[in-house]
PDB file of all heavy atoms in Angstrom:
ATOM      1  N   PHE A   1     169.896 144.509  61.405  1.00  0.00           N
ATOM      2  CA  PHE A   1     170.136 145.949  61.438  1.00  0.00           C
ATOM      3  C   PHE A   1     170.902 146.340  60.190  1.00  0.00           C
ATOM      4  O   PHE A   1     171.434 145.483  59.476  1.00  0.00           O
ATOM      5  CB  PHE A   1     170.908 146.364  62.698  1.00  0.00           C
ATOM      6  CG  PHE A   1     172.079 145.477  63.021  1.00  0.00           C
ATOM      7  CD1 PHE A   1     173.269 145.583  62.333  1.00  0.00           C
ATOM      8  CD2 PHE A   1     171.974 144.520  64.018  1.00  0.00           C
ATOM      9  CE1 PHE A   1     174.350 144.762  62.631  1.00  0.00           C
ATOM     10  CE2 PHE A   1     173.039 143.700  64.333  1.00  0.00           C
ATOM     11  CZ  PHE A   1     174.232 143.826  63.623  1.00  0.00           C
ATOM     12  N   ASN A   2     170.973 147.640  59.912  1.00  0.00           N
ATOM     13  CA  ASN A   2     171.753 148.133  58.780  1.00  0.00           C
ATOM     14  C   ASN A   2     173.222 148.041  59.137  1.00  0.00           C
ATOM     15  O   ASN A   2     173.634 148.398  60.237  1.00  0.00           O
ATOM     16  CB  ASN A   2     171.400 149.587  58.478  1.00  0.00           C
ATOM     17  CG  ASN A   2     169.972 149.747  58.039  1.00  0.00           C
ATOM     18  OD1 ASN A   2     169.400 148.862  57.426  1.00  0.00           O
ATOM     19  ND2 ASN A   2     169.382 150.886  58.360  1.00  0.00           N
ATOM     20  N   MET A   3     174.027 147.568  58.189  1.00  0.00           N
ATOM     21  CA  MET A   3     175.462 147.464  58.432  1.00  0.00           C
ATOM     22  C   MET A   3     176.217 147.744  57.147  1.00  0.00           C
ATOM     23  O   MET A   3     175.636 147.763  56.065  1.00  0.00           O
ATOM     24  CB  MET A   3     175.811 146.090  58.999  1.00  0.00           C
ATOM     25  CG  MET A   3     175.404 144.916  58.172  1.00  0.00           C
ATOM     26  SD  MET A   3     175.729 143.371  59.024  1.00  0.00           S
ATOM     27  CE  MET A   3     174.103 142.662  59.058  1.00  0.00           C
ATOM     28  N   ARG A   4     177.512 147.958  57.299  1.00  0.00           N
ATOM     29  CA  ARG A   4     178.378 148.225  56.154  1.00  0.00           C
ATOM     30  C   ARG A   4     179.601 147.342  56.258  1.00  0.00           C
ATOM     31  O   ARG A   4     180.275 147.308  57.285  1.00  0.00           O
ATOM     32  CB  ARG A   4     178.789 149.691  56.154  1.00  0.00           C
ATOM     33  CG  ARG A   4     179.547 150.073  54.922  1.00  0.00           C
ATOM     34  CD  ARG A   4     179.789 151.554  54.876  1.00  0.00           C
ATOM     35  NE  ARG A   4     180.475 151.868  53.647  1.00  0.00           N
ATOM     36  CZ  ARG A   4     180.923 153.049  53.336  1.00  0.00           C
ATOM     37  NH1 ARG A   4     180.751 154.044  54.171  1.00  0.00           N
ATOM     38  NH2 ARG A   4     181.543 153.257  52.200  1.00  0.00           N
ATOM     39  N   CYS A   5     179.888 146.609  55.183  1.00  0.00           N
ATOM     40  CA  CYS A   5     181.019 145.682  55.152  1.00  0.00           C
ATOM     41  C   CYS A   5     182.334 146.464  55.287  1.00  0.00           C
ATOM     42  O   CYS A   5     182.530 147.478  54.630  1.00  0.00           O
ATOM     43  CB  CYS A   5     180.990 144.896  53.845  1.00  0.00           C
ATOM     44  SG  CYS A   5     182.371 143.750  53.658  1.00  0.00           S
ATOM     45  N   LYS A   6     183.224 145.986  56.146  1.00  0.00           N
ATOM     46  CA  LYS A   6     184.515 146.663  56.334  1.00  0.00           C
ATOM     47  C   LYS A   6     185.459 146.406  55.166  1.00  0.00           C
ATOM     48  O   LYS A   6     186.345 147.197  54.905  1.00  0.00           O
ATOM     49  CB  LYS A   6     185.188 146.170  57.621  1.00  0.00           C
ATOM     50  CG  LYS A   6     184.570 146.717  58.878  1.00  0.00           C
ATOM     51  CD  LYS A   6     185.337 146.247  60.094  1.00  0.00           C
ATOM     52  CE  LYS A   6     184.735 146.762  61.371  1.00  0.00           C
ATOM     53  NZ  LYS A   6     185.422 146.243  62.551  1.00  0.00           N
ATOM     54  N   THR A   7     185.284 145.302  54.453  1.00  0.00           N
ATOM     55  CA  THR A   7     186.188 144.945  53.368  1.00  0.00           C
ATOM     56  C   THR A   7     185.919 145.758  52.106  1.00  0.00           C
ATOM     57  O   THR A   7     186.816 146.370  51.548  1.00  0.00           O
ATOM     58  CB  THR A   7     186.061 143.441  53.042  1.00  0.00           C
ATOM     59  OG1 THR A   7     186.148 142.704  54.254  1.00  0.00           O
ATOM     60  CG2 THR A   7     187.148 142.991  52.100  1.00  0.00           C
ATOM     61  N   CYS A   8     184.663 145.761  51.651  1.00  0.00           N
ATOM     62  CA  CYS A   8     184.353 146.407  50.372  1.00  0.00           C
ATOM     63  C   CYS A   8     183.483 147.650  50.509  1.00  0.00           C
ATOM     64  O   CYS A   8     183.302 148.380  49.540  1.00  0.00           O
ATOM     65  CB  CYS A   8     183.669 145.409  49.436  1.00  0.00           C
ATOM     66  SG  CYS A   8     182.053 144.860  50.010  1.00  0.00           S
ATOM     67  N   GLY A   9     182.900 147.897  51.688  1.00  0.00           N
ATOM     68  CA  GLY A   9     182.065 149.077  51.883  1.00  0.00           C
ATOM     69  C   GLY A   9     180.629 148.905  51.430  1.00  0.00           C
ATOM     70  O   GLY A   9     179.884 149.874  51.356  1.00  0.00           O
ATOM     71  N   GLU A  10     180.229 147.690  51.102  1.00  0.00           N
ATOM     72  CA  GLU A  10     178.855 147.414  50.662  1.00  0.00           C
ATOM     73  C   GLU A  10     177.883 147.635  51.817  1.00  0.00           C
ATOM     74  O   GLU A  10     178.125 147.188  52.939  1.00  0.00           O
ATOM     75  CB  GLU A  10     178.764 145.961  50.177  1.00  0.00           C
ATOM     76  CG  GLU A  10     177.386 145.515  49.800  1.00  0.00           C
ATOM     77  CD  GLU A  10     176.940 145.991  48.433  1.00  0.00           C
ATOM     78  OE1 GLU A  10     177.740 146.652  47.732  1.00  0.00           O
ATOM     79  OE2 GLU A  10     175.802 145.716  48.071  1.00  0.00           O
ATOM     80  N   TYR A  11     176.776 148.324  51.543  1.00  0.00           N
ATOM     81  CA  TYR A  11     175.735 148.504  52.546  1.00  0.00           C
ATOM     82  C   TYR A  11     174.831 147.277  52.539  1.00  0.00           C
ATOM     83  O   TYR A  11     174.385 146.833  51.491  1.00  0.00           O
ATOM     84  CB  TYR A  11     174.896 149.750  52.264  1.00  0.00           C
ATOM     85  CG  TYR A  11     175.597 151.023  52.631  1.00  0.00           C
ATOM     86  CD1 TYR A  11     176.216 151.791  51.666  1.00  0.00           C
ATOM     87  CD2 TYR A  11     175.646 151.457  53.946  1.00  0.00           C
ATOM     88  CE1 TYR A  11     176.873 152.964  51.994  1.00  0.00           C
ATOM     89  CE2 TYR A  11     176.291 152.617  54.297  1.00  0.00           C
ATOM     90  CZ  TYR A  11     176.900 153.365  53.311  1.00  0.00           C
ATOM     91  OH  TYR A  11     177.537 154.522  53.636  1.00  0.00           O
ATOM     92  N   ILE A  12     174.561 146.745  53.714  1.00  0.00           N
ATOM     93  CA  ILE A  12     173.640 145.630  53.872  1.00  0.00           C
ATOM     94  C   ILE A  12     172.493 146.159  54.718  1.00  0.00           C
ATOM     95  O   ILE A  12     172.699 146.553  55.866  1.00  0.00           O
ATOM     96  CB  ILE A  12     174.329 144.424  54.542  1.00  0.00           C
ATOM     97  CG1 ILE A  12     175.500 143.959  53.681  1.00  0.00           C
ATOM     98  CG2 ILE A  12     173.333 143.302  54.771  1.00  0.00           C
ATOM     99  CD1 ILE A  12     176.397 142.949  54.342  1.00  0.00           C
ATOM    100  N   TYR A  13     171.315 146.187  54.130  1.00  0.00           N
ATOM    101  CA  TYR A  13     170.184 146.815  54.790  1.00  0.00           C
ATOM    102  C   TYR A  13     169.416 145.833  55.656  1.00  0.00           C
ATOM    103  O   TYR A  13     169.428 144.634  55.424  1.00  0.00           O
ATOM    104  CB  TYR A  13     169.258 147.451  53.752  1.00  0.00           C
ATOM    105  CG  TYR A  13     169.941 148.556  53.006  1.00  0.00           C
ATOM    106  CD1 TYR A  13     170.465 148.350  51.743  1.00  0.00           C
ATOM    107  CD2 TYR A  13     170.116 149.785  53.606  1.00  0.00           C
ATOM    108  CE1 TYR A  13     171.122 149.365  51.071  1.00  0.00           C
ATOM    109  CE2 TYR A  13     170.766 150.809  52.950  1.00  0.00           C
ATOM    110  CZ  TYR A  13     171.267 150.585  51.680  1.00  0.00           C
ATOM    111  OH  TYR A  13     171.920 151.599  51.041  1.00  0.00           O
ATOM    112  N   LYS A  14     168.744 146.363  56.656  1.00  0.00           N
ATOM    113  CA  LYS A  14     167.932 145.562  57.560  1.00  0.00           C
ATOM    114  C   LYS A  14     166.857 144.842  56.749  1.00  0.00           C
ATOM    115  O   LYS A  14     166.188 145.447  55.923  1.00  0.00           O
ATOM    116  CB  LYS A  14     167.276 146.479  58.600  1.00  0.00           C
ATOM    117  CG  LYS A  14     166.419 145.768  59.608  1.00  0.00           C
ATOM    118  CD  LYS A  14     165.851 146.757  60.601  1.00  0.00           C
ATOM    119  CE  LYS A  14     165.021 146.051  61.643  1.00  0.00           C
ATOM    120  NZ  LYS A  14     164.540 146.968  62.653  1.00  0.00           N
ATOM    121  N   GLY A  15     166.733 143.542  56.978  1.00  0.00           N
ATOM    122  CA  GLY A  15     165.725 142.773  56.278  1.00  0.00           C
ATOM    123  C   GLY A  15     166.256 142.008  55.081  1.00  0.00           C
ATOM    124  O   GLY A  15     165.535 141.240  54.476  1.00  0.00           O
ATOM    125  N   LYS A  16     167.535 142.211  54.714  1.00  0.00           N
ATOM    126  CA  LYS A  16     168.138 141.449  53.608  1.00  0.00           C
ATOM    127  C   LYS A  16     168.273 140.012  54.056  1.00  0.00           C
ATOM    128  O   LYS A  16     168.738 139.729  55.146  1.00  0.00           O
ATOM    129  CB  LYS A  16     169.501 142.039  53.276  1.00  0.00           C
ATOM    130  CG  LYS A  16     170.256 141.284  52.214  1.00  0.00           C
ATOM    131  CD  LYS A  16     170.196 142.000  50.904  1.00  0.00           C
ATOM    132  CE  LYS A  16     171.072 141.320  49.880  1.00  0.00           C
ATOM    133  NZ  LYS A  16     170.359 140.339  49.119  1.00  0.00           N
ATOM    134  N   LYS A  17     167.871 139.065  53.198  1.00  0.00           N
ATOM    135  CA  LYS A  17     167.878 137.656  53.583  1.00  0.00           C
ATOM    136  C   LYS A  17     169.232 137.003  53.293  1.00  0.00           C
ATOM    137  O   LYS A  17     169.851 137.272  52.272  1.00  0.00           O
ATOM    138  CB  LYS A  17     166.774 136.904  52.853  1.00  0.00           C
ATOM    139  CG  LYS A  17     165.400 137.295  53.312  1.00  0.00           C
ATOM    140  CD  LYS A  17     164.350 136.470  52.627  1.00  0.00           C
ATOM    141  CE  LYS A  17     162.971 136.870  53.113  1.00  0.00           C
ATOM    142  NZ  LYS A  17     161.928 136.148  52.410  1.00  0.00           N
ATOM    143  N   PHE A  18     169.637 136.148  54.213  1.00  0.00           N
ATOM    144  CA  PHE A  18     170.908 135.441  54.091  1.00  0.00           C
ATOM    145  C   PHE A  18     170.728 133.984  54.501  1.00  0.00           C
ATOM    146  O   PHE A  18     169.905 133.669  55.342  1.00  0.00           O
ATOM    147  CB  PHE A  18     171.956 136.045  55.040  1.00  0.00           C
ATOM    148  CG  PHE A  18     172.452 137.393  54.636  1.00  0.00           C
ATOM    149  CD1 PHE A  18     171.882 138.532  55.168  1.00  0.00           C
ATOM    150  CD2 PHE A  18     173.474 137.528  53.728  1.00  0.00           C
ATOM    151  CE1 PHE A  18     172.329 139.779  54.808  1.00  0.00           C
ATOM    152  CE2 PHE A  18     173.928 138.772  53.363  1.00  0.00           C
ATOM    153  CZ  PHE A  18     173.351 139.899  53.904  1.00  0.00           C
ATOM    154  N   ASN A  19     171.553 133.118  53.917  1.00  0.00           N
ATOM    155  CA  ASN A  19     171.740 131.777  54.454  1.00  0.00           C
ATOM    156  C   ASN A  19     172.899 131.908  55.427  1.00  0.00           C
ATOM    157  O   ASN A  19     173.995 132.278  55.030  1.00  0.00           O
ATOM    158  CB  ASN A  19     172.083 130.776  53.353  1.00  0.00           C
ATOM    159  CG  ASN A  19     170.902 130.497  52.464  1.00  0.00           C
ATOM    160  OD1 ASN A  19     169.776 130.465  52.926  1.00  0.00           O
ATOM    161  ND2 ASN A  19     171.151 130.306  51.186  1.00  0.00           N
ATOM    162  N   ALA A  20     172.666 131.634  56.674  1.00  0.00           N
ATOM    163  CA  ALA A  20     173.684 131.863  57.696  1.00  0.00           C
ATOM    164  C   ALA A  20     173.977 130.571  58.439  1.00  0.00           C
ATOM    165  O   ALA A  20     173.155 129.645  58.464  1.00  0.00           O
ATOM    166  CB  ALA A  20     173.212 132.920  58.675  1.00  0.00           C
ATOM    167  N   ARG A  21     175.166 130.538  59.030  1.00  0.00           N
ATOM    168  CA  ARG A  21     175.487 129.444  59.952  1.00  0.00           C
ATOM    169  C   ARG A  21     175.210 129.961  61.349  1.00  0.00           C
ATOM    170  O   ARG A  21     175.569 131.076  61.696  1.00  0.00           O
ATOM    171  CB  ARG A  21     176.953 129.052  59.809  1.00  0.00           C
ATOM    172  CG  ARG A  21     177.258 128.395  58.495  1.00  0.00           C
ATOM    173  CD  ARG A  21     178.718 128.021  58.431  1.00  0.00           C
ATOM    174  NE  ARG A  21     179.464 128.994  59.214  1.00  0.00           N
ATOM    175  CZ  ARG A  21     180.668 129.425  58.934  1.00  0.00           C
ATOM    176  NH1 ARG A  21     181.312 128.984  57.935  1.00  0.00           N
ATOM    177  NH2 ARG A  21     181.266 130.320  59.688  1.00  0.00           N
ATOM    178  N   LYS A  22     174.575 129.107  62.150  1.00  0.00           N
ATOM    179  CA  LYS A  22     174.214 129.498  63.525  1.00  0.00           C
ATOM    180  C   LYS A  22     174.878 128.533  64.480  1.00  0.00           C
ATOM    181  O   LYS A  22     174.869 127.323  64.257  1.00  0.00           O
ATOM    182  CB  LYS A  22     172.696 129.426  63.682  1.00  0.00           C
ATOM    183  CG  LYS A  22     172.206 129.663  65.086  1.00  0.00           C
ATOM    184  CD  LYS A  22     170.718 129.457  65.152  1.00  0.00           C
ATOM    185  CE  LYS A  22     170.440 128.306  66.069  1.00  0.00           C
ATOM    186  NZ  LYS A  22     169.055 128.037  66.321  1.00  0.00           N
ATOM    187  N   GLU A  23     175.466 129.087  65.536  1.00  0.00           N
ATOM    188  CA  GLU A  23     176.044 128.237  66.571  1.00  0.00           C
ATOM    189  C   GLU A  23     175.716 128.831  67.929  1.00  0.00           C
ATOM    190  O   GLU A  23     175.464 130.028  68.056  1.00  0.00           O
ATOM    191  CB  GLU A  23     177.558 128.105  66.394  1.00  0.00           C
ATOM    192  CG  GLU A  23     178.339 129.358  66.723  1.00  0.00           C
ATOM    193  CD  GLU A  23     179.836 129.179  66.595  1.00  0.00           C
ATOM    194  OE1 GLU A  23     180.279 128.168  66.052  1.00  0.00           O
ATOM    195  OE2 GLU A  23     180.560 130.080  67.046  1.00  0.00           O
ATOM    196  N   THR A  24     175.709 127.979  68.945  1.00  0.00           N
ATOM    197  CA  THR A  24     175.511 128.440  70.311  1.00  0.00           C
ATOM    198  C   THR A  24     176.863 128.870  70.857  1.00  0.00           C
ATOM    199  O   THR A  24     177.834 128.127  70.771  1.00  0.00           O
ATOM    200  CB  THR A  24     174.929 127.317  71.178  1.00  0.00           C
ATOM    201  OG1 THR A  24     173.749 126.830  70.545  1.00  0.00           O
ATOM    202  CG2 THR A  24     174.587 127.819  72.564  1.00  0.00           C
ATOM    203  N   VAL A  25     176.930 130.065  71.419  1.00  0.00           N
ATOM    204  CA  VAL A  25     178.185 130.575  71.970  1.00  0.00           C
ATOM    205  C   VAL A  25     178.464 129.836  73.282  1.00  0.00           C
ATOM    206  O   VAL A  25     177.612 129.784  74.169  1.00  0.00           O
ATOM    207  CB  VAL A  25     178.104 132.097  72.204  1.00  0.00           C
ATOM    208  CG1 VAL A  25     179.396 132.624  72.787  1.00  0.00           C
ATOM    209  CG2 VAL A  25     177.779 132.808  70.907  1.00  0.00           C
ATOM    210  N   GLN A  26     179.646 129.249  73.387  1.00  0.00           N
ATOM    211  CA  GLN A  26     180.016 128.498  74.582  1.00  0.00           C
ATOM    212  C   GLN A  26     180.322 129.452  75.734  1.00  0.00           C
ATOM    213  O   GLN A  26     180.902 130.519  75.544  1.00  0.00           O
ATOM    214  CB  GLN A  26     181.247 127.621  74.305  1.00  0.00           C
ATOM    215  CG  GLN A  26     181.017 126.576  73.236  1.00  0.00           C
ATOM    216  CD  GLN A  26     179.930 125.580  73.609  1.00  0.00           C
ATOM    217  OE1 GLN A  26     179.878 125.112  74.737  1.00  0.00           O
ATOM    218  NE2 GLN A  26     179.050 125.284  72.672  1.00  0.00           N
ATOM    219  N   ASN A  27     179.943 129.072  76.936  1.00  0.00           N
ATOM    220  CA  ASN A  27     180.221 129.804  78.178  1.00  0.00           C
ATOM    221  C   ASN A  27     179.608 131.204  78.211  1.00  0.00           C
ATOM    222  O   ASN A  27     180.103 132.078  78.902  1.00  0.00           O
ATOM    223  CB  ASN A  27     181.744 129.905  78.425  1.00  0.00           C
ATOM    224  CG  ASN A  27     182.389 128.543  78.476  1.00  0.00           C
ATOM    225  OD1 ASN A  27     181.798 127.583  78.958  1.00  0.00           O
ATOM    226  ND2 ASN A  27     183.587 128.447  77.940  1.00  0.00           N
ATOM    227  N   GLU A  28     178.551 131.436  77.417  1.00  0.00           N
ATOM    228  CA  GLU A  28     177.847 132.722  77.481  1.00  0.00           C
ATOM    229  C   GLU A  28     176.359 132.430  77.562  1.00  0.00           C
ATOM    230  O   GLU A  28     175.772 131.874  76.643  1.00  0.00           O
ATOM    231  CB  GLU A  28     178.143 133.581  76.256  1.00  0.00           C
ATOM    232  CG  GLU A  28     179.461 134.303  76.334  1.00  0.00           C
ATOM    233  CD  GLU A  28     179.594 135.355  75.253  1.00  0.00           C
ATOM    234  OE1 GLU A  28     178.654 136.175  75.093  1.00  0.00           O
ATOM    235  OE2 GLU A  28     180.623 135.368  74.578  1.00  0.00           O
ATOM    236  N   VAL A  29     175.765 132.836  78.681  1.00  0.00           N
ATOM    237  CA  VAL A  29     174.335 132.642  78.900  1.00  0.00           C
ATOM    238  C   VAL A  29     173.822 133.876  79.613  1.00  0.00           C
ATOM    239  O   VAL A  29     174.505 134.453  80.449  1.00  0.00           O
ATOM    240  CB  VAL A  29     174.072 131.373  79.751  1.00  0.00           C
ATOM    241  CG1 VAL A  29     172.601 131.214  80.045  1.00  0.00           C
ATOM    242  CG2 VAL A  29     174.605 130.136  79.070  1.00  0.00           C
ATOM    243  N   TYR A  30     172.602 134.314  79.273  1.00  0.00           N
ATOM    244  CA  TYR A  30     171.997 135.435  79.975  1.00  0.00           C
ATOM    245  C   TYR A  30     170.679 134.952  80.560  1.00  0.00           C
ATOM    246  O   TYR A  30     169.747 134.636  79.826  1.00  0.00           O
ATOM    247  CB  TYR A  30     171.767 136.614  79.020  1.00  0.00           C
ATOM    248  CG  TYR A  30     171.025 137.752  79.664  1.00  0.00           C
ATOM    249  CD1 TYR A  30     171.659 138.581  80.580  1.00  0.00           C
ATOM    250  CD2 TYR A  30     169.692 137.971  79.396  1.00  0.00           C
ATOM    251  CE1 TYR A  30     170.974 139.605  81.192  1.00  0.00           C
ATOM    252  CE2 TYR A  30     168.994 139.000  79.998  1.00  0.00           C
ATOM    253  CZ  TYR A  30     169.650 139.817  80.894  1.00  0.00           C
ATOM    254  OH  TYR A  30     168.971 140.831  81.503  1.00  0.00           O
ATOM    255  N   LEU A  31     170.593 134.896  81.891  1.00  0.00           N
ATOM    256  CA  LEU A  31     169.417 134.445  82.615  1.00  0.00           C
ATOM    257  C   LEU A  31     168.889 133.111  82.079  1.00  0.00           C
ATOM    258  O   LEU A  31     167.690 132.921  81.906  1.00  0.00           O
ATOM    259  CB  LEU A  31     168.300 135.493  82.550  1.00  0.00           C
ATOM    260  CG  LEU A  31     168.604 136.864  83.150  1.00  0.00           C
ATOM    261  CD1 LEU A  31     167.443 137.809  82.919  1.00  0.00           C
ATOM    262  CD2 LEU A  31     168.902 136.743  84.632  1.00  0.00           C
ATOM    263  N   GLY A  32     169.796 132.213  81.783  1.00  0.00           N
ATOM    264  CA  GLY A  32     169.412 130.885  81.307  1.00  0.00           C
ATOM    265  C   GLY A  32     169.150 130.818  79.813  1.00  0.00           C
ATOM    266  O   GLY A  32     168.873 129.746  79.287  1.00  0.00           O
TER     267      GLY A  32
END
């Protein structure tokens, strides 16, 4: 989604590619 950085105010548009770290949230599950 479109977002704006709180630190510098940079707009990050939907579809911008990133290298991200992904983790599974512990103790949070929705319908399995």
